[in-house]
N, C-alpha and C. Protein backbone atom coordinates (compact mmCIF):
# COMPACT_ATOMS: atom_id res chain seq x y z
N UNK A 1 16.29 -24.81 97.05
CA UNK A 1 17.19 -24.29 98.03
C UNK A 1 16.84 -24.79 99.42
N UNK A 2 15.56 -24.88 99.64
CA UNK A 2 15.11 -25.37 100.93
C UNK A 2 15.54 -26.82 101.09
N UNK A 3 15.43 -27.56 99.99
CA UNK A 3 15.85 -28.96 100.05
C UNK A 3 17.32 -29.06 100.35
N UNK A 4 18.09 -28.18 99.73
CA UNK A 4 19.53 -28.18 99.95
C UNK A 4 19.85 -27.86 101.39
N UNK A 5 19.14 -26.94 101.96
CA UNK A 5 19.37 -26.57 103.34
C UNK A 5 19.04 -27.75 104.25
N UNK A 6 17.95 -28.44 103.92
CA UNK A 6 17.59 -29.60 104.72
C UNK A 6 18.66 -30.68 104.59
N UNK A 7 19.12 -30.87 103.35
CA UNK A 7 20.17 -31.87 103.15
C UNK A 7 21.43 -31.48 103.90
N UNK A 8 21.74 -30.20 103.85
CA UNK A 8 22.92 -29.71 104.56
C UNK A 8 22.74 -29.88 106.06
N UNK A 9 21.54 -29.54 106.53
CA UNK A 9 21.27 -29.71 107.96
C UNK A 9 21.39 -31.18 108.37
N UNK A 10 20.87 -32.06 107.54
CA UNK A 10 20.96 -33.49 107.83
C UNK A 10 22.41 -33.92 107.82
N UNK A 11 23.17 -33.43 106.85
CA UNK A 11 24.59 -33.80 106.76
C UNK A 11 25.34 -33.27 107.97
N UNK A 12 25.05 -32.04 108.34
CA UNK A 12 25.71 -31.46 109.51
C UNK A 12 25.32 -32.24 110.76
N UNK A 13 24.03 -32.51 110.87
CA UNK A 13 23.59 -33.27 112.04
C UNK A 13 24.21 -34.66 112.06
N UNK A 14 24.27 -35.26 110.87
CA UNK A 14 24.89 -36.58 110.78
C UNK A 14 26.37 -36.49 111.18
N UNK A 15 27.05 -35.44 110.71
CA UNK A 15 28.46 -35.24 111.05
C UNK A 15 28.64 -35.01 112.55
N UNK A 16 27.76 -34.21 113.11
CA UNK A 16 27.84 -33.94 114.55
C UNK A 16 27.56 -35.22 115.32
N UNK A 17 26.52 -35.96 114.86
CA UNK A 17 26.19 -37.22 115.52
C UNK A 17 27.37 -38.19 115.43
N UNK A 18 27.95 -38.26 114.23
CA UNK A 18 29.10 -39.15 114.03
C UNK A 18 30.26 -38.74 114.95
N UNK A 19 30.53 -37.45 115.02
CA UNK A 19 31.60 -36.95 115.89
C UNK A 19 31.31 -37.28 117.34
N UNK A 20 30.05 -37.11 117.73
CA UNK A 20 29.68 -37.43 119.11
C UNK A 20 29.83 -38.92 119.39
N UNK A 21 29.44 -39.75 118.43
CA UNK A 21 29.57 -41.19 118.60
C UNK A 21 31.05 -41.56 118.72
N UNK A 22 31.87 -40.97 117.87
CA UNK A 22 33.31 -41.25 117.92
C UNK A 22 33.88 -40.82 119.27
N UNK A 23 33.51 -39.62 119.72
CA UNK A 23 34.00 -39.13 121.01
C UNK A 23 33.51 -40.02 122.15
N UNK A 24 32.24 -40.39 122.11
CA UNK A 24 31.70 -41.26 123.16
C UNK A 24 32.40 -42.61 123.14
N UNK A 25 32.65 -43.12 121.93
CA UNK A 25 33.32 -44.40 121.80
C UNK A 25 34.73 -44.32 122.37
N UNK A 26 35.43 -43.24 122.03
CA UNK A 26 36.79 -43.06 122.56
C UNK A 26 36.77 -42.92 124.08
N UNK A 27 35.81 -42.16 124.58
CA UNK A 27 35.69 -42.00 126.03
C UNK A 27 35.37 -43.34 126.68
N UNK A 28 34.46 -44.08 126.03
CA UNK A 28 34.10 -45.40 126.54
C UNK A 28 35.32 -46.32 126.53
N UNK A 29 36.08 -46.29 125.43
CA UNK A 29 37.28 -47.13 125.34
C UNK A 29 38.31 -46.73 126.39
N UNK A 30 38.48 -45.42 126.59
CA UNK A 30 39.40 -44.97 127.65
C UNK A 30 38.93 -45.46 129.01
N UNK A 31 37.62 -45.37 129.24
CA UNK A 31 37.05 -45.84 130.50
C UNK A 31 37.26 -47.34 130.67
N UNK A 32 37.03 -48.09 129.60
CA UNK A 32 37.23 -49.54 129.66
C UNK A 32 38.70 -49.84 129.90
N UNK A 33 39.58 -49.15 129.18
CA UNK A 33 41.02 -49.37 129.36
C UNK A 33 41.45 -49.00 130.78
N UNK A 34 40.92 -47.89 131.27
CA UNK A 34 41.25 -47.46 132.63
C UNK A 34 40.73 -48.49 133.64
N UNK A 35 39.53 -48.97 133.42
CA UNK A 35 38.94 -49.98 134.30
C UNK A 35 39.76 -51.27 134.23
N UNK A 36 40.14 -51.68 133.03
CA UNK A 36 40.94 -52.90 132.86
C UNK A 36 42.28 -52.74 133.56
N UNK A 37 42.89 -51.57 133.41
CA UNK A 37 44.17 -51.30 134.08
C UNK A 37 44.00 -51.34 135.59
N UNK A 38 42.91 -50.75 136.07
CA UNK A 38 42.64 -50.74 137.51
C UNK A 38 42.47 -52.18 138.03
N UNK A 39 41.76 -53.00 137.28
CA UNK A 39 41.57 -54.41 137.66
C UNK A 39 42.91 -55.13 137.67
N UNK A 40 43.72 -54.91 136.63
CA UNK A 40 45.04 -55.55 136.57
C UNK A 40 45.90 -55.13 137.76
N UNK A 41 45.90 -53.83 138.06
CA UNK A 41 46.68 -53.33 139.21
C UNK A 41 46.17 -53.94 140.51
N UNK A 42 44.85 -54.02 140.64
CA UNK A 42 44.28 -54.57 141.86
C UNK A 42 44.65 -56.05 141.99
N UNK A 43 44.60 -56.78 140.88
CA UNK A 43 44.98 -58.19 140.93
C UNK A 43 46.45 -58.35 141.28
N UNK A 44 47.30 -57.49 140.71
CA UNK A 44 48.73 -57.55 141.03
C UNK A 44 48.95 -57.24 142.51
N UNK A 45 48.24 -56.24 143.02
CA UNK A 45 48.37 -55.89 144.44
C UNK A 45 47.86 -57.02 145.34
N UNK A 46 46.78 -57.66 144.91
CA UNK A 46 46.25 -58.78 145.70
C UNK A 46 47.27 -59.92 145.72
N UNK A 47 47.84 -60.22 144.55
CA UNK A 47 48.85 -61.28 144.51
C UNK A 47 50.03 -60.92 145.39
N UNK A 48 50.42 -59.66 145.32
CA UNK A 48 51.54 -59.20 146.13
C UNK A 48 51.19 -59.25 147.62
N UNK A 49 49.97 -58.84 147.94
CA UNK A 49 49.56 -58.81 149.35
C UNK A 49 49.46 -60.22 149.93
N UNK A 50 49.04 -61.16 149.12
CA UNK A 50 48.87 -62.51 149.62
C UNK A 50 50.04 -63.43 149.28
N UNK A 51 51.10 -62.82 148.79
CA UNK A 51 52.31 -63.58 148.50
C UNK A 51 53.00 -63.86 149.83
N UNK A 52 53.26 -65.12 150.10
CA UNK A 52 53.86 -65.53 151.38
C UNK A 52 55.22 -64.87 151.56
N UNK A 53 56.00 -64.83 150.51
CA UNK A 53 57.35 -64.25 150.61
C UNK A 53 57.27 -62.77 150.98
N UNK A 54 56.38 -62.04 150.32
CA UNK A 54 56.23 -60.61 150.64
C UNK A 54 55.74 -60.42 152.07
N UNK A 55 54.80 -61.26 152.48
CA UNK A 55 54.28 -61.18 153.84
C UNK A 55 55.40 -61.44 154.85
N UNK A 56 56.19 -62.48 154.60
CA UNK A 56 57.29 -62.80 155.51
C UNK A 56 58.32 -61.67 155.54
N UNK A 57 58.60 -61.10 154.36
CA UNK A 57 59.54 -59.98 154.32
C UNK A 57 59.02 -58.78 155.10
N UNK A 58 57.71 -58.52 154.97
CA UNK A 58 57.11 -57.38 155.68
C UNK A 58 57.08 -57.62 157.19
N UNK A 59 56.88 -58.86 157.59
CA UNK A 59 56.74 -59.18 159.01
C UNK A 59 58.08 -59.48 159.69
N UNK A 60 59.15 -59.64 158.92
CA UNK A 60 60.44 -60.01 159.50
C UNK A 60 60.91 -59.04 160.58
N UNK A 61 60.85 -57.72 160.36
CA UNK A 61 61.29 -56.82 161.44
C UNK A 61 60.49 -56.99 162.73
N UNK A 62 59.19 -57.22 162.61
CA UNK A 62 58.38 -57.42 163.81
C UNK A 62 58.76 -58.72 164.51
N UNK A 63 59.01 -59.75 163.71
CA UNK A 63 59.43 -61.03 164.29
C UNK A 63 60.79 -60.89 164.96
N UNK A 64 61.69 -60.13 164.33
CA UNK A 64 63.01 -59.90 164.92
C UNK A 64 62.89 -59.14 166.24
N UNK A 65 62.04 -58.12 166.27
CA UNK A 65 61.83 -57.37 167.52
C UNK A 65 61.23 -58.28 168.60
N UNK A 66 60.32 -59.14 168.20
CA UNK A 66 59.73 -60.09 169.15
C UNK A 66 60.82 -61.00 169.72
N UNK A 67 61.71 -61.48 168.86
CA UNK A 67 62.78 -62.37 169.32
C UNK A 67 63.73 -61.64 170.28
N UNK A 68 64.03 -60.37 169.98
CA UNK A 68 64.89 -59.58 170.88
C UNK A 68 64.21 -59.44 172.23
N UNK A 69 62.92 -59.10 172.22
CA UNK A 69 62.18 -58.96 173.48
C UNK A 69 62.12 -60.27 174.24
N UNK A 70 61.88 -61.35 173.53
CA UNK A 70 61.80 -62.67 174.15
C UNK A 70 63.13 -63.02 174.81
N UNK A 71 64.23 -62.83 174.09
CA UNK A 71 65.55 -63.14 174.64
C UNK A 71 65.86 -62.26 175.85
N UNK A 72 65.45 -61.00 175.79
CA UNK A 72 65.68 -60.08 176.91
C UNK A 72 64.92 -60.53 178.15
N UNK A 73 63.65 -60.87 177.97
CA UNK A 73 62.84 -61.32 179.11
C UNK A 73 63.42 -62.61 179.69
N UNK A 74 63.83 -63.53 178.83
CA UNK A 74 64.42 -64.78 179.32
C UNK A 74 65.69 -64.51 180.13
N UNK A 75 66.55 -63.64 179.60
CA UNK A 75 67.80 -63.33 180.30
C UNK A 75 67.53 -62.64 181.63
N UNK A 76 66.63 -61.66 181.63
CA UNK A 76 66.30 -60.97 182.87
C UNK A 76 65.67 -61.92 183.89
N UNK A 77 64.84 -62.82 183.42
CA UNK A 77 64.23 -63.80 184.32
C UNK A 77 65.29 -64.70 184.94
N UNK A 78 66.22 -65.16 184.12
CA UNK A 78 67.31 -65.99 184.65
C UNK A 78 68.14 -65.22 185.68
N UNK A 79 68.43 -63.96 185.37
CA UNK A 79 69.23 -63.14 186.30
C UNK A 79 68.48 -62.94 187.62
N UNK A 80 67.20 -62.62 187.54
CA UNK A 80 66.43 -62.38 188.76
C UNK A 80 66.24 -63.67 189.56
N UNK A 81 66.05 -64.78 188.87
CA UNK A 81 65.92 -66.07 189.56
C UNK A 81 67.21 -66.41 190.29
N UNK A 82 68.32 -66.19 189.61
CA UNK A 82 69.62 -66.45 190.23
C UNK A 82 69.83 -65.55 191.45
N UNK A 83 69.50 -64.28 191.32
CA UNK A 83 69.63 -63.35 192.44
C UNK A 83 68.76 -63.81 193.61
N UNK A 84 67.51 -64.14 193.34
CA UNK A 84 66.60 -64.58 194.40
C UNK A 84 67.13 -65.83 195.09
N UNK A 85 67.65 -66.77 194.30
CA UNK A 85 68.20 -68.01 194.86
C UNK A 85 69.37 -67.69 195.79
N UNK A 86 70.27 -66.79 195.33
CA UNK A 86 71.41 -66.41 196.17
C UNK A 86 70.97 -65.67 197.44
N UNK A 87 69.94 -64.85 197.31
CA UNK A 87 69.43 -64.13 198.49
C UNK A 87 68.87 -65.11 199.53
N UNK A 88 68.10 -66.08 199.08
CA UNK A 88 67.52 -67.07 200.00
C UNK A 88 68.62 -67.90 200.65
N UNK A 89 69.56 -68.38 199.82
CA UNK A 89 70.66 -69.19 200.36
C UNK A 89 71.50 -68.38 201.35
N UNK A 90 71.77 -67.12 200.98
CA UNK A 90 72.55 -66.25 201.87
C UNK A 90 71.84 -65.97 203.18
N UNK A 91 70.53 -65.75 203.10
CA UNK A 91 69.74 -65.50 204.32
C UNK A 91 69.74 -66.72 205.23
N UNK A 92 69.64 -67.91 204.64
CA UNK A 92 69.66 -69.13 205.45
C UNK A 92 71.03 -69.34 206.10
N UNK A 93 72.09 -69.09 205.35
CA UNK A 93 73.44 -69.22 205.90
C UNK A 93 73.67 -68.20 207.01
N UNK A 94 73.18 -66.98 206.79
CA UNK A 94 73.34 -65.93 207.81
C UNK A 94 72.56 -66.29 209.07
N UNK A 95 71.37 -66.83 208.91
CA UNK A 95 70.58 -67.25 210.08
C UNK A 95 71.30 -68.33 210.87
N UNK A 96 71.89 -69.29 210.17
CA UNK A 96 72.67 -70.34 210.85
C UNK A 96 73.87 -69.75 211.57
N UNK A 97 74.56 -68.82 210.89
CA UNK A 97 75.75 -68.21 211.49
C UNK A 97 75.39 -67.41 212.74
N UNK A 98 74.26 -66.72 212.70
CA UNK A 98 73.85 -65.92 213.86
C UNK A 98 73.43 -66.80 215.04
N UNK A 99 72.90 -67.98 214.77
CA UNK A 99 72.47 -68.85 215.87
C UNK A 99 73.64 -69.43 216.65
N UNK A 100 74.80 -69.52 216.05
CA UNK A 100 75.96 -70.08 216.76
C UNK A 100 76.81 -69.00 217.43
N UNK A 101 76.55 -67.74 217.09
CA UNK A 101 77.32 -66.65 217.70
C UNK A 101 76.89 -66.46 219.15
N UNK A 102 77.88 -66.35 220.02
CA UNK A 102 77.61 -66.12 221.44
C UNK A 102 77.85 -64.65 221.80
N UNK A 103 78.73 -64.02 221.06
CA UNK A 103 79.13 -62.65 221.36
C UNK A 103 78.31 -61.68 220.50
N UNK A 104 77.80 -60.62 221.12
CA UNK A 104 77.01 -59.63 220.39
C UNK A 104 77.85 -58.90 219.35
N UNK A 105 79.09 -58.57 219.68
CA UNK A 105 79.97 -57.86 218.75
C UNK A 105 80.23 -58.73 217.51
N UNK A 106 80.43 -60.02 217.73
CA UNK A 106 80.67 -60.94 216.60
C UNK A 106 79.41 -61.07 215.74
N UNK A 107 78.23 -61.08 216.38
CA UNK A 107 76.97 -61.17 215.64
C UNK A 107 76.76 -59.91 214.79
N UNK A 108 77.08 -58.74 215.38
CA UNK A 108 76.94 -57.48 214.64
C UNK A 108 77.92 -57.45 213.47
N UNK A 109 79.14 -57.91 213.70
CA UNK A 109 80.15 -57.95 212.63
C UNK A 109 79.72 -58.91 211.52
N UNK A 110 79.16 -60.04 211.90
CA UNK A 110 78.67 -61.02 210.92
C UNK A 110 77.52 -60.42 210.09
N UNK A 111 76.62 -59.72 210.77
CA UNK A 111 75.50 -59.09 210.07
C UNK A 111 75.99 -58.00 209.13
N UNK A 112 77.00 -57.24 209.55
CA UNK A 112 77.57 -56.18 208.72
C UNK A 112 78.18 -56.78 207.45
N UNK A 113 78.94 -57.86 207.61
CA UNK A 113 79.55 -58.52 206.45
C UNK A 113 78.47 -59.06 205.51
N UNK A 114 77.42 -59.62 206.10
CA UNK A 114 76.32 -60.16 205.30
C UNK A 114 75.66 -59.04 204.49
N UNK A 115 75.38 -57.91 205.12
CA UNK A 115 74.73 -56.80 204.42
C UNK A 115 75.62 -56.20 203.34
N UNK A 116 76.94 -56.16 203.58
CA UNK A 116 77.86 -55.69 202.54
C UNK A 116 77.85 -56.65 201.34
N UNK A 117 77.77 -57.94 201.64
CA UNK A 117 77.66 -58.94 200.56
C UNK A 117 76.37 -58.77 199.77
N UNK A 118 75.28 -58.47 200.49
CA UNK A 118 74.00 -58.21 199.83
C UNK A 118 74.09 -57.00 198.91
N UNK A 119 74.75 -55.96 199.41
CA UNK A 119 74.90 -54.74 198.62
C UNK A 119 75.65 -55.05 197.32
N UNK A 120 76.72 -55.83 197.42
CA UNK A 120 77.49 -56.21 196.23
C UNK A 120 76.64 -57.04 195.26
N UNK A 121 75.84 -57.95 195.81
CA UNK A 121 74.97 -58.76 194.95
C UNK A 121 73.95 -57.90 194.22
N UNK A 122 73.37 -56.92 194.93
CA UNK A 122 72.40 -56.04 194.29
C UNK A 122 73.05 -55.18 193.21
N UNK A 123 74.25 -54.69 193.49
CA UNK A 123 74.96 -53.87 192.50
C UNK A 123 75.29 -54.71 191.27
N UNK A 124 75.79 -55.93 191.48
CA UNK A 124 76.12 -56.82 190.35
C UNK A 124 74.86 -57.16 189.55
N UNK A 125 73.77 -57.43 190.25
CA UNK A 125 72.51 -57.75 189.56
C UNK A 125 72.00 -56.56 188.75
N UNK A 126 72.11 -55.36 189.32
CA UNK A 126 71.68 -54.16 188.60
C UNK A 126 72.53 -53.93 187.36
N UNK A 127 73.84 -54.13 187.50
CA UNK A 127 74.73 -53.97 186.34
C UNK A 127 74.40 -54.99 185.25
N UNK A 128 74.18 -56.24 185.65
CA UNK A 128 73.85 -57.29 184.67
C UNK A 128 72.53 -56.97 183.96
N UNK A 129 71.54 -56.51 184.72
CA UNK A 129 70.26 -56.15 184.12
C UNK A 129 70.42 -54.98 183.16
N UNK A 130 71.21 -54.00 183.57
CA UNK A 130 71.44 -52.84 182.72
C UNK A 130 72.14 -53.24 181.43
N UNK A 131 73.14 -54.11 181.52
CA UNK A 131 73.84 -54.58 180.32
C UNK A 131 72.89 -55.32 179.39
N UNK A 132 72.02 -56.14 179.96
CA UNK A 132 71.04 -56.87 179.15
C UNK A 132 70.10 -55.91 178.44
N UNK A 133 69.62 -54.91 179.17
CA UNK A 133 68.69 -53.94 178.58
C UNK A 133 69.37 -53.08 177.51
N UNK A 134 70.62 -52.72 177.74
CA UNK A 134 71.36 -51.93 176.74
C UNK A 134 71.56 -52.76 175.47
N UNK A 135 71.94 -54.02 175.64
CA UNK A 135 72.12 -54.91 174.49
C UNK A 135 70.81 -55.04 173.71
N UNK A 136 69.71 -55.21 174.43
CA UNK A 136 68.40 -55.32 173.80
C UNK A 136 68.03 -54.04 173.06
N UNK A 137 68.27 -52.91 173.70
CA UNK A 137 67.98 -51.62 173.07
C UNK A 137 68.77 -51.45 171.78
N UNK A 138 70.06 -51.81 171.81
CA UNK A 138 70.91 -51.67 170.63
C UNK A 138 70.43 -52.57 169.49
N UNK A 139 70.04 -53.78 169.82
CA UNK A 139 69.54 -54.70 168.80
C UNK A 139 68.23 -54.17 168.20
N UNK A 140 67.33 -53.72 169.05
CA UNK A 140 66.05 -53.18 168.57
C UNK A 140 66.27 -51.93 167.74
N UNK A 141 67.19 -51.07 168.16
CA UNK A 141 67.49 -49.86 167.40
C UNK A 141 68.03 -50.21 166.02
N UNK A 142 68.88 -51.22 165.96
CA UNK A 142 69.41 -51.66 164.67
C UNK A 142 68.32 -52.16 163.74
N UNK A 143 67.37 -52.89 164.28
CA UNK A 143 66.25 -53.40 163.47
C UNK A 143 65.41 -52.23 162.96
N UNK A 144 65.06 -51.31 163.84
CA UNK A 144 64.24 -50.16 163.45
C UNK A 144 64.98 -49.31 162.42
N UNK A 145 66.27 -49.12 162.63
CA UNK A 145 67.07 -48.32 161.69
C UNK A 145 67.08 -48.96 160.30
N UNK A 146 67.23 -50.28 160.24
CA UNK A 146 67.23 -50.95 158.93
C UNK A 146 65.87 -50.85 158.25
N UNK A 147 64.79 -50.90 159.03
CA UNK A 147 63.45 -50.76 158.46
C UNK A 147 63.28 -49.36 157.88
N UNK A 148 63.73 -48.36 158.62
CA UNK A 148 63.61 -46.97 158.14
C UNK A 148 64.44 -46.77 156.88
N UNK A 149 65.66 -47.31 156.86
CA UNK A 149 66.50 -47.19 155.67
C UNK A 149 65.86 -47.88 154.47
N UNK A 150 65.28 -49.04 154.69
CA UNK A 150 64.62 -49.76 153.60
C UNK A 150 63.41 -48.98 153.11
N UNK A 151 62.65 -48.41 154.03
CA UNK A 151 61.44 -47.66 153.65
C UNK A 151 61.80 -46.39 152.88
N UNK A 152 62.89 -45.73 153.23
CA UNK A 152 63.26 -44.51 152.53
C UNK A 152 63.83 -44.79 151.14
N UNK A 153 64.33 -46.01 150.92
CA UNK A 153 64.83 -46.38 149.60
C UNK A 153 63.69 -46.59 148.61
N UNK A 154 62.52 -46.99 149.12
CA UNK A 154 61.39 -47.31 148.24
C UNK A 154 60.48 -46.17 148.15
């Protein structure tokens, strides 16, 4: 009977050991499979991250915003340069006109007309700048809106 108990104990121990080996093997296989899947996912993400097309697609909104800003700065610079040129030319013409005036009333009237012309130039320049900035804002808003819509779809 003692021998039988020992045999039974050995069989039970062997069964428990076998069950533990099977469980450890399954756990190991799950771990290996999980690790392999993680490596595959990481490789796919790396390929995606370093894919030129994906990079260009991701950077396109920023490039578009840069182009909008660049065009806006160029337009504003042209407008301000033109305004400055007209101001200098106008000031030189006004100086010439004032040097030939003999009558004080005529000189004051000439100066008044010149200043009214300046006021109109400043108003026109401000309107042009405002239109440029509004156009730029609308373009930038459109780009940002499309990025948000694209992001919410994914």
